[in-house]
């Protein structure tokens, strides 16, 4: 039997291309969804059920295009089976045996296509008629999108935070201006409220600390001679902001009993903090505190370290106290005269007296009566009452100077008026003696006692 006339070339090529694409789409091993289920169902039951159809004629034979080439003939039942399995589609070209025209299967056998209930299984078609594929978005693009979203969110929150900070700074600046104006204009009634409000927003504000220090000094009368919890309250604000002067002043107020806003332990910690911050007066006081603590809390070596630190920075009282400590620890200490002389040259009255007594005895220095007279007379001029007693003896016995009974009597009387009992006794003895110029030169025991066991001066109040 002759095969039907070949279909037009362009139509055959188009049908072959679409057929190949559909076969690739349905035959791929990774097919999913209804296509895979359909393929599995067909493989399990390759024979389709019989379908009643007006055109179900066992004698009809059909040719169809397979890969662009005519294939067949096949029976009506085979066409039905291929249609169900998806091997043929309603738009595939078929030709009946004995016919010369190629038509689509849906046009040639519409009842069969309708009876199978199978619509053509085709891939999605783009507007241009070409099969489309799902586009996979690269991960780099996703990361860029995420980064842009995060950057946008961060920029928004940063702007919000920046706006809040600007508003806060403006408020702080306004409060600082109001506080300065209120203090300088004398409207001090509003100062405490402004200090409280500004302290809540900016506890380390320069204007806040400055006004607090000024208010504290005003409360103390520009000194530490008055009691004042009010001063302590202002000092606490400045001290908590790390101002060493405020820490030291507050510690002095507490240790002197002029305020009880903080405990003595807190006061000691304040003083130590100020000393470690480099405040000269605090370093000196902290050295004395360590020296005078009771029992195991006393630490002479640590005290000497702090006193040396203050003395090296030019603190006159620290130099004198350091010299007396060193002499008490070791009478032959060679460093003590150095610190003592520096204190004496700084016009420290007690240091001048001790320098004179050291030159009288020759302890750690060259024995020199002239230098002894010079330093003791200088101590009297600086206001040292005890030095008048020793100067009277020098005049009485002619040590380092010409003997002069009148000057001896004068100095004994000054010392006695200052409450020095030993001076009154020396005066009575001098007046009772008729020949004082022949008296044997002898250093009083009190000189040696003073050098060896003299009490260390107390901290300056």
Protein backbone atom coordinates (compact mmCIF):
# COMPACT_ATOMS: atom_id res chain seq x y z
CA UNK A 1 0.00 0.00 0.00
CA UNK A 2 1.27 3.40 -0.89
CA UNK A 3 2.19 5.76 1.86
CA UNK A 4 0.43 9.09 1.92
CA UNK A 5 1.94 12.12 0.29
CA UNK A 6 4.51 13.78 2.46
CA UNK A 7 3.42 16.89 4.32
CA UNK A 8 4.87 20.24 3.36
CA UNK A 9 8.52 20.58 4.48
CA UNK A 10 8.05 23.64 6.66
CA UNK A 11 5.13 22.01 8.44
CA UNK A 12 7.03 18.77 8.98
CA UNK A 13 10.05 20.63 10.40
CA UNK A 14 7.86 22.62 12.81
CA UNK A 15 6.05 19.51 14.00
CA UNK A 16 9.32 17.63 14.42
CA UNK A 17 10.79 20.41 16.52
CA UNK A 18 7.78 20.67 18.81
CA UNK A 19 7.55 16.90 19.00
CA UNK A 20 11.23 16.55 19.95
CA UNK A 21 10.89 19.25 22.56
CA UNK A 22 7.86 17.59 24.09
CA UNK A 23 9.49 14.18 24.08
CA UNK A 24 12.60 15.57 25.77
CA UNK A 25 10.41 17.29 28.28
CA UNK A 26 8.39 14.19 29.13
CA UNK A 27 11.06 11.53 28.77
CA UNK A 28 13.71 13.14 30.96
CA UNK A 29 14.59 10.97 34.00
CA UNK A 30 14.02 13.82 36.43
CA UNK A 31 10.49 14.61 35.20
CA UNK A 32 8.22 15.76 37.98
CA UNK A 33 4.60 16.26 38.76
CA UNK A 34 1.74 14.97 36.54
CA UNK A 35 4.07 14.04 33.72
CA UNK A 36 6.08 11.68 35.91
CA UNK A 37 2.93 10.18 37.41
CA UNK A 38 1.44 9.69 33.97
CA UNK A 39 4.59 8.03 32.69
CA UNK A 40 4.64 5.66 35.67
CA UNK A 41 1.00 4.81 35.19
CA UNK A 42 1.54 3.99 31.52
CA UNK A 43 4.57 1.84 32.29
CA UNK A 44 2.55 -0.14 34.80
CA UNK A 45 -0.42 -0.58 32.46
CA UNK A 46 0.66 -0.10 28.86
CA UNK A 47 -2.77 -1.22 27.50
CA UNK A 48 -5.35 1.54 27.76
CA UNK A 49 -8.92 0.70 28.55
CA UNK A 50 -11.28 0.39 25.66
CA UNK A 51 -13.12 3.59 24.96
CA UNK A 52 -16.35 3.67 23.07
CA UNK A 53 -16.12 6.03 20.19
CA UNK A 54 -18.05 6.56 17.00
CA UNK A 55 -14.81 6.24 15.14
CA UNK A 56 -13.62 3.10 16.90
CA UNK A 57 -13.09 1.15 13.69
CA UNK A 58 -10.62 -1.72 13.91
CA UNK A 59 -10.05 -1.58 10.16
CA UNK A 60 -8.82 2.03 10.09
CA UNK A 61 -5.09 2.55 9.77
CA UNK A 62 -3.17 5.77 10.44
CA UNK A 63 0.18 7.22 9.57
CA UNK A 64 1.83 9.75 11.91
CA UNK A 65 5.03 11.75 11.95
CA UNK A 66 7.82 10.44 14.15
CA UNK A 67 10.95 12.59 14.32
CA UNK A 68 9.88 14.30 11.11
CA UNK A 69 9.43 11.05 9.22
CA UNK A 70 6.14 9.26 8.42
CA UNK A 71 5.57 6.20 10.57
CA UNK A 72 2.85 3.57 10.60
CA UNK A 73 0.37 2.53 9.69
CA UNK A 74 -1.07 1.84 13.14
CA UNK A 75 -4.49 0.77 14.19
CA UNK A 76 -7.19 2.90 15.66
CA UNK A 77 -6.58 1.28 19.07
CA UNK A 78 -2.84 2.00 18.87
CA UNK A 79 -3.54 5.64 18.13
CA UNK A 80 -5.78 5.70 21.17
CA UNK A 81 -3.08 4.03 23.33
CA UNK A 82 -0.36 6.46 22.16
CA UNK A 83 -2.69 9.37 22.78
CA UNK A 84 -3.28 8.25 26.34
CA UNK A 85 0.43 7.61 27.00
CA UNK A 86 1.32 11.05 25.65
CA UNK A 87 3.20 9.74 22.64
CA UNK A 88 0.69 11.44 20.35
CA UNK A 89 -1.03 14.77 20.84
CA UNK A 90 -4.03 16.44 19.37
CA UNK A 91 -1.88 18.76 17.27
CA UNK A 92 0.33 16.00 15.85
CA UNK A 93 -0.11 15.43 12.11
CA UNK A 94 -1.72 12.18 11.05
CA UNK A 95 -2.95 10.78 7.74
CA UNK A 96 -5.53 8.05 7.22
CA UNK A 97 -4.54 5.12 5.09
CA UNK A 98 -5.57 5.81 1.52
CA UNK A 99 -5.76 9.55 2.11
CA UNK A 100 -3.26 12.15 0.88
CA UNK A 101 -3.89 15.00 3.29
CA UNK A 102 -2.07 15.39 6.59
CA UNK A 103 -4.17 16.84 9.31
CA UNK A 104 -3.85 17.27 13.07
CA UNK A 105 -5.01 14.37 15.17
CA UNK A 106 -7.60 16.58 16.86
CA UNK A 107 -8.99 17.49 13.44
CA UNK A 108 -8.88 13.97 12.03
CA UNK A 109 -10.16 12.10 15.08
CA UNK A 110 -11.92 14.69 17.29
CA UNK A 111 -14.16 12.10 18.89
CA UNK A 112 -11.18 9.96 19.88
CA UNK A 113 -9.34 12.90 21.41
CA UNK A 114 -12.46 13.96 23.29
CA UNK A 115 -13.17 10.41 24.41
CA UNK A 116 -9.72 9.91 25.94
CA UNK A 117 -10.23 12.98 28.14
CA UNK A 118 -6.55 13.80 27.74
CA UNK A 119 -5.59 17.32 26.90
CA UNK A 120 -2.29 17.78 25.15
CA UNK A 121 0.59 17.88 27.59
CA UNK A 122 2.74 20.75 26.42
CA UNK A 123 5.39 22.83 28.11
CA UNK A 124 4.60 26.50 28.75
CA UNK A 125 4.98 28.57 25.63
CA UNK A 126 6.50 32.01 25.61
CA UNK A 127 4.89 34.86 23.69
CA UNK A 128 7.19 34.03 20.80
CA UNK A 129 6.10 30.42 20.78
CA UNK A 130 9.30 29.01 22.27
CA UNK A 131 9.35 26.76 25.35
CA UNK A 132 10.26 28.64 28.50
CA UNK A 133 12.44 27.47 31.36
CA UNK A 134 12.33 28.51 34.98
CA UNK A 135 15.07 31.08 35.56
CA UNK A 136 17.30 30.41 38.56
CA UNK A 137 18.31 33.60 40.35
CA UNK A 138 22.07 33.58 41.19
CA UNK A 139 22.95 33.56 44.88
CA UNK A 140 25.11 36.64 44.43
CA UNK A 141 22.03 38.57 43.35
CA UNK A 142 20.14 37.35 46.42
CA UNK A 143 22.99 38.37 48.72
CA UNK A 144 23.13 41.79 47.11
CA UNK A 145 19.41 42.20 47.65
CA UNK A 146 19.72 41.15 51.30
CA UNK A 147 22.69 43.47 51.82
CA UNK A 148 20.79 46.37 50.29
CA UNK A 149 17.82 45.69 52.55
CA UNK A 150 20.01 45.51 55.63
CA UNK A 151 21.89 48.65 54.65
CA UNK A 152 18.63 50.47 54.12
CA UNK A 153 17.35 49.40 57.54
CA UNK A 154 20.63 50.29 59.24
CA UNK A 155 20.63 53.71 57.59
CA UNK A 156 17.11 54.33 58.83
CA UNK A 157 17.87 53.37 62.42
CA UNK A 158 21.16 55.31 62.35
CA UNK A 159 19.30 58.40 61.22
CA UNK A 160 16.76 57.97 63.98
CA UNK A 161 19.51 57.55 66.60
CA UNK A 162 21.44 60.49 65.19
CA UNK A 163 18.37 62.69 65.35
CA UNK A 164 17.75 61.68 68.96
CA UNK A 165 21.38 62.40 69.87
CA UNK A 166 21.21 65.82 68.22
CA UNK A 167 18.08 66.63 70.19
CA UNK A 168 19.77 65.45 73.39
CA UNK A 169 22.87 67.56 72.76
CA UNK A 170 20.74 70.63 72.08
CA UNK A 171 18.89 70.07 75.36
CA UNK A 172 22.18 69.66 77.26
CA UNK A 173 23.60 72.85 75.72
CA UNK A 174 20.50 74.79 76.72
CA UNK A 175 20.69 73.47 80.29
CA UNK A 176 24.38 74.40 80.52
CA UNK A 177 23.64 77.94 79.37
CA UNK A 178 20.79 78.25 81.87
CA UNK A 179 22.96 76.88 84.69
CA UNK A 180 25.86 79.24 84.01
CA UNK A 181 23.54 82.20 83.69
CA UNK A 182 21.67 81.33 86.89
CA UNK A 183 24.91 81.06 88.89
CA UNK A 184 26.60 84.14 87.46
CA UNK A 185 23.49 86.30 87.73
CA UNK A 186 23.00 85.43 91.38
CA UNK A 187 19.75 83.52 90.81
CA UNK A 188 21.02 80.59 92.84
CA UNK A 189 17.57 79.46 93.84
CA UNK A 190 17.15 77.72 90.48
CA UNK A 191 20.68 76.31 90.44
CA UNK A 192 20.00 73.08 92.42
CA UNK A 193 17.10 72.10 90.10
CA UNK A 194 19.16 72.82 87.00
CA UNK A 195 22.09 70.83 88.43
CA UNK A 196 19.81 67.86 89.10
CA UNK A 197 18.35 67.93 85.59
CA UNK A 198 21.70 68.36 83.87
CA UNK A 199 23.33 65.69 86.04
CA UNK A 200 20.68 63.19 84.92
CA UNK A 201 21.50 63.84 81.24
CA UNK A 202 25.24 64.59 81.29
CA UNK A 203 26.92 63.69 84.62
CA UNK A 204 30.35 64.73 83.28
CA UNK A 205 29.30 68.04 81.78
CA UNK A 206 32.06 70.64 82.12
CA UNK A 207 29.56 73.33 83.07
CA UNK A 208 27.97 71.05 85.66
CA UNK A 209 31.31 70.22 87.33
CA UNK A 210 32.46 73.83 87.29
CA UNK A 211 29.29 75.15 88.93
CA UNK A 212 29.26 72.29 91.47
CA UNK A 213 32.83 73.10 92.54
CA UNK A 214 31.97 76.79 92.84
CA UNK A 215 28.81 76.06 94.81
CA UNK A 216 30.80 73.77 97.15
CA UNK A 217 33.44 76.44 97.76
CA UNK A 218 30.71 79.01 98.37
CA UNK A 219 29.16 76.70 100.94
CA UNK A 220 32.52 76.26 102.66
CA UNK A 221 33.36 79.94 102.62
CA UNK A 222 36.21 79.33 100.15
CA UNK A 223 37.84 76.88 102.53
CA UNK A 224 37.42 73.73 104.58
CA UNK A 225 36.73 75.49 107.86
CA UNK A 226 32.96 75.20 107.85
CA UNK A 227 30.62 72.27 108.15
CA UNK A 228 28.58 71.68 105.09
CA UNK A 229 26.50 68.81 103.87
CA UNK A 230 25.47 71.14 101.05
CA UNK A 231 29.08 71.41 99.95
CA UNK A 232 29.46 67.65 100.18
CA UNK A 233 26.46 67.09 97.90
CA UNK A 234 28.01 69.23 95.18
CA UNK A 235 31.42 67.63 95.73
CA UNK A 236 29.93 64.14 95.31
CA UNK A 237 28.74 65.07 91.81
CA UNK A 238 32.17 66.38 90.82
CA UNK A 239 34.00 63.51 92.55
CA UNK A 240 31.90 60.88 90.76
CA UNK A 241 32.85 62.59 87.49
CA UNK A 242 36.52 61.86 88.30
CA UNK A 243 37.60 65.33 89.50
CA UNK A 244 40.53 64.63 91.85
CA UNK A 245 40.21 67.98 93.66
CA UNK A 246 36.60 67.16 94.53
CA UNK A 247 37.58 63.66 95.69
CA UNK A 248 40.26 65.05 98.01
CA UNK A 249 38.06 67.83 99.42
CA UNK A 250 35.22 65.39 100.04
CA UNK A 251 37.55 62.96 101.83
CA UNK A 252 38.80 65.78 104.09
CA UNK A 253 35.26 66.82 104.94
CA UNK A 254 34.33 63.25 105.90
CA UNK A 255 37.52 62.54 107.87
CA UNK A 256 37.19 65.83 109.75
CA UNK A 257 33.62 64.92 110.72
CA UNK A 258 32.06 67.90 108.94
CA UNK A 259 29.77 65.71 106.88
CA UNK A 260 28.37 62.19 107.11
CA UNK A 261 27.15 61.77 103.56
CA UNK A 262 29.86 59.14 103.06
CA UNK A 263 31.55 56.64 105.35
CA UNK A 264 35.20 56.91 106.50
CA UNK A 265 36.02 53.94 104.27
CA UNK A 266 34.61 55.81 101.28
CA UNK A 267 36.61 58.88 102.29
CA UNK A 268 39.83 56.86 102.36
CA UNK A 269 39.05 55.47 98.93
CA UNK A 270 38.42 59.01 97.66
CA UNK A 271 41.76 60.22 99.02
CA UNK A 272 43.65 57.28 97.53
CA UNK A 273 41.95 57.82 94.17
CA UNK A 274 42.94 61.50 94.18
CA UNK A 275 46.51 60.58 95.11
CA UNK A 276 46.75 58.03 92.33
CA UNK A 277 45.36 60.67 89.95
CA UNK A 278 48.39 62.83 90.77
CA UNK A 279 46.93 65.46 93.11
CA UNK A 280 49.92 66.65 95.15
CA UNK A 281 48.13 67.42 98.42
CA UNK A 282 46.30 64.09 98.25
CA UNK A 283 49.59 62.22 97.81
CA UNK A 284 50.98 63.86 100.95
CA UNK A 285 47.87 63.17 103.03
CA UNK A 286 47.63 59.59 101.80
CA UNK A 287 51.23 59.03 102.92
CA UNK A 288 50.40 60.31 106.42
CA UNK A 289 47.25 58.17 106.54
CA UNK A 290 49.24 55.04 105.72
CA UNK A 291 51.83 56.00 108.34
CA UNK A 292 49.34 56.55 111.15
CA UNK A 293 46.98 53.65 110.68
CA UNK A 294 46.66 51.44 113.72
CA UNK A 295 48.07 47.95 113.94
CA UNK A 296 48.40 45.89 110.80
CA UNK A 297 46.88 48.64 108.67
CA UNK A 298 49.98 50.79 109.20
CA UNK A 299 52.39 50.56 106.29
CA UNK A 300 55.54 52.70 106.87
CA UNK A 301 57.24 51.62 103.68
CA UNK A 302 54.22 52.51 101.54
CA UNK A 303 53.88 55.76 103.48
CA UNK A 304 57.50 56.67 102.75
CA UNK A 305 56.89 56.00 99.06
CA UNK A 306 53.99 58.45 98.90
CA UNK A 307 55.80 61.04 101.03
CA UNK A 308 58.82 60.84 98.76
CA UNK A 309 56.58 61.27 95.74
CA UNK A 310 55.04 64.43 97.21
CA UNK A 311 58.40 65.70 98.52
CA UNK A 312 59.99 65.21 95.12
CA UNK A 313 57.28 67.41 93.62
CA UNK A 314 58.14 70.25 95.98
CA UNK A 315 55.68 69.73 98.85
CA UNK A 316 57.40 71.40 101.83
CA UNK A 317 55.49 69.66 104.59
CA UNK A 318 56.04 66.30 102.87
CA UNK A 319 59.79 66.95 102.90
CA UNK A 320 59.78 67.71 106.62
CA UNK A 321 57.56 64.74 107.52
CA UNK A 322 59.66 62.42 105.35
CA UNK A 323 62.86 63.53 107.10
CA UNK A 324 61.39 62.92 110.57
CA UNK A 325 60.10 59.49 109.53
CA UNK A 326 63.48 58.47 108.12
CA UNK A 327 65.28 59.68 111.26
CA UNK A 328 62.85 57.80 113.46
CA UNK A 329 63.38 54.62 111.47
CA UNK A 330 67.15 55.06 111.38
CA UNK A 331 69.09 57.75 113.24
CA UNK A 332 71.95 57.36 110.80
CA UNK A 333 69.83 57.73 107.69
CA UNK A 334 71.86 59.77 105.21
CA UNK A 335 68.87 60.81 103.11
CA UNK A 336 66.98 62.56 105.93
CA UNK A 337 69.22 65.70 106.12
CA UNK A 338 68.71 66.29 102.40
CA UNK A 339 64.91 66.41 102.71
CA UNK A 340 65.17 68.39 105.96
CA UNK A 341 67.41 71.04 104.43
CA UNK A 342 65.08 71.44 101.44
CA UNK A 343 62.14 71.94 103.80
CA UNK A 344 64.17 74.45 105.85
CA UNK A 345 65.07 76.37 102.72
CA UNK A 346 61.33 76.45 101.94
CA UNK A 347 60.90 78.40 105.22
CA UNK A 348 59.47 75.50 107.22
CA UNK A 349 59.95 76.59 110.90
CA UNK A 350 60.26 73.09 112.43
CA UNK A 351 62.64 71.99 109.66
CA UNK A 352 64.90 74.96 110.45
CA UNK A 353 64.94 74.04 114.15
CA UNK A 354 65.82 70.42 113.40
CA UNK A 355 68.62 71.46 111.05
CA UNK A 356 70.08 73.61 113.84
CA UNK A 357 69.87 70.75 116.36
CA UNK A 358 71.50 68.32 113.87
CA UNK A 359 74.45 70.69 113.43
CA UNK A 360 74.73 70.99 117.24
CA UNK A 361 75.06 67.21 117.64
CA UNK A 362 76.76 66.44 114.33
CA UNK A 363 74.16 63.74 113.58
CA UNK A 364 74.38 62.83 109.87
CA UNK A 365 75.78 66.32 109.17
CA UNK A 366 78.94 68.23 109.97
CA UNK A 367 78.95 69.51 113.55
CA UNK A 368 78.95 73.29 113.20
CA UNK A 369 77.83 75.64 116.01
CA UNK A 370 77.66 78.62 113.70
CA UNK A 371 75.26 76.81 111.34
CA UNK A 372 73.31 75.59 114.34
CA UNK A 373 72.90 79.17 115.59
CA UNK A 374 71.95 80.34 112.07
CA UNK A 375 69.19 77.74 111.61
CA UNK A 376 67.76 78.08 115.14
CA UNK A 377 67.65 81.87 114.95
CA UNK A 378 65.99 81.55 111.53
CA UNK A 379 63.40 79.17 113.04
CA UNK A 380 62.55 81.76 115.70
CA UNK A 381 62.07 84.38 113.00
CA UNK A 382 59.75 81.95 111.17
CA UNK A 383 57.56 81.67 114.26
CA UNK A 384 58.74 78.44 115.90
CA UNK A 385 58.08 78.88 119.65
CA UNK A 386 60.23 75.93 120.68
CA UNK A 387 63.17 77.42 118.80
CA UNK A 388 63.18 80.41 121.23
CA UNK A 389 64.08 78.04 124.09
CA UNK A 390 67.10 76.70 122.19
CA UNK A 391 68.13 80.17 121.04
CA UNK A 392 68.07 81.33 124.68
CA UNK A 393 70.45 78.52 125.61
CA UNK A 394 72.77 79.40 122.76
CA UNK A 395 72.92 83.01 123.98
CA UNK A 396 73.30 81.86 127.60
CA UNK A 397 76.25 79.60 126.86
CA UNK A 398 77.71 81.48 123.89
CA UNK A 399 77.33 78.58 121.46
CA UNK A 400 77.79 79.66 117.86
CA UNK A 401 77.62 83.30 118.96
CA UNK A 402 78.83 85.64 121.69
CA UNK A 403 77.29 84.97 125.10
CA UNK A 404 74.56 87.45 125.91
CA UNK A 405 72.59 87.09 129.13
CA UNK A 406 70.06 89.74 128.20
CA UNK A 407 69.17 88.01 124.92
CA UNK A 408 69.08 84.68 126.71
CA UNK A 409 66.62 86.07 129.24
CA UNK A 410 64.52 87.62 126.48
CA UNK A 411 64.21 84.36 124.56
CA UNK A 412 63.48 82.33 127.72
CA UNK A 413 60.65 84.69 128.54
CA UNK A 414 59.19 84.39 125.01
CA UNK A 415 59.32 80.62 125.18
CA UNK A 416 57.76 80.62 128.65
CA UNK A 417 54.95 82.87 127.45
CA UNK A 418 54.31 80.33 124.68
CA UNK A 419 53.73 77.69 127.34
CA UNK A 420 57.11 75.97 127.28
CA UNK A 421 57.68 75.03 130.93
CA UNK A 422 61.34 74.16 130.40
CA UNK A 423 62.01 77.77 129.30
CA UNK A 424 60.59 79.14 132.57
CA UNK A 425 62.79 76.79 134.59
CA UNK A 426 65.87 77.81 132.58
CA UNK A 427 65.05 81.47 133.15
CA UNK A 428 64.74 81.01 136.93
CA UNK A 429 68.05 79.18 137.04
CA UNK A 430 69.81 81.85 134.96
CA UNK A 431 68.62 84.69 137.18
CA UNK A 432 69.70 82.79 140.28
CA UNK A 433 73.24 82.32 139.06
CA UNK A 434 75.65 85.22 139.41
CA UNK A 435 78.43 83.93 137.22
CA UNK A 436 76.70 82.45 134.14
CA UNK A 437 79.70 83.13 131.87
CA UNK A 438 81.78 80.49 133.70
CA UNK A 439 79.10 77.80 133.50
CA UNK A 440 80.28 74.60 131.83
CA UNK A 441 79.02 74.12 128.27
CA UNK A 442 76.66 71.19 128.15
CA UNK A 443 73.99 70.32 125.64
CA UNK A 444 70.64 69.72 127.36
CA UNK A 445 69.24 66.22 127.31
CA UNK A 446 66.15 67.64 125.63
CA UNK A 447 68.08 68.24 122.39
CA UNK A 448 69.03 64.59 122.01
CA UNK A 449 65.53 63.53 123.08
CA UNK A 450 63.98 65.82 120.47
CA UNK A 451 66.17 64.47 117.69
CA UNK A 452 65.62 60.84 118.57
CA UNK A 453 62.06 60.71 119.81
CA UNK A 454 60.40 63.92 118.64
CA UNK A 455 56.84 63.47 117.53
CA UNK A 456 56.05 63.69 113.87
CA UNK A 457 53.90 66.69 112.99
CA UNK A 458 50.24 66.12 112.27
CA UNK A 459 48.63 66.69 108.88
CA UNK A 460 47.76 70.23 108.01
CA UNK A 461 44.12 70.93 108.69
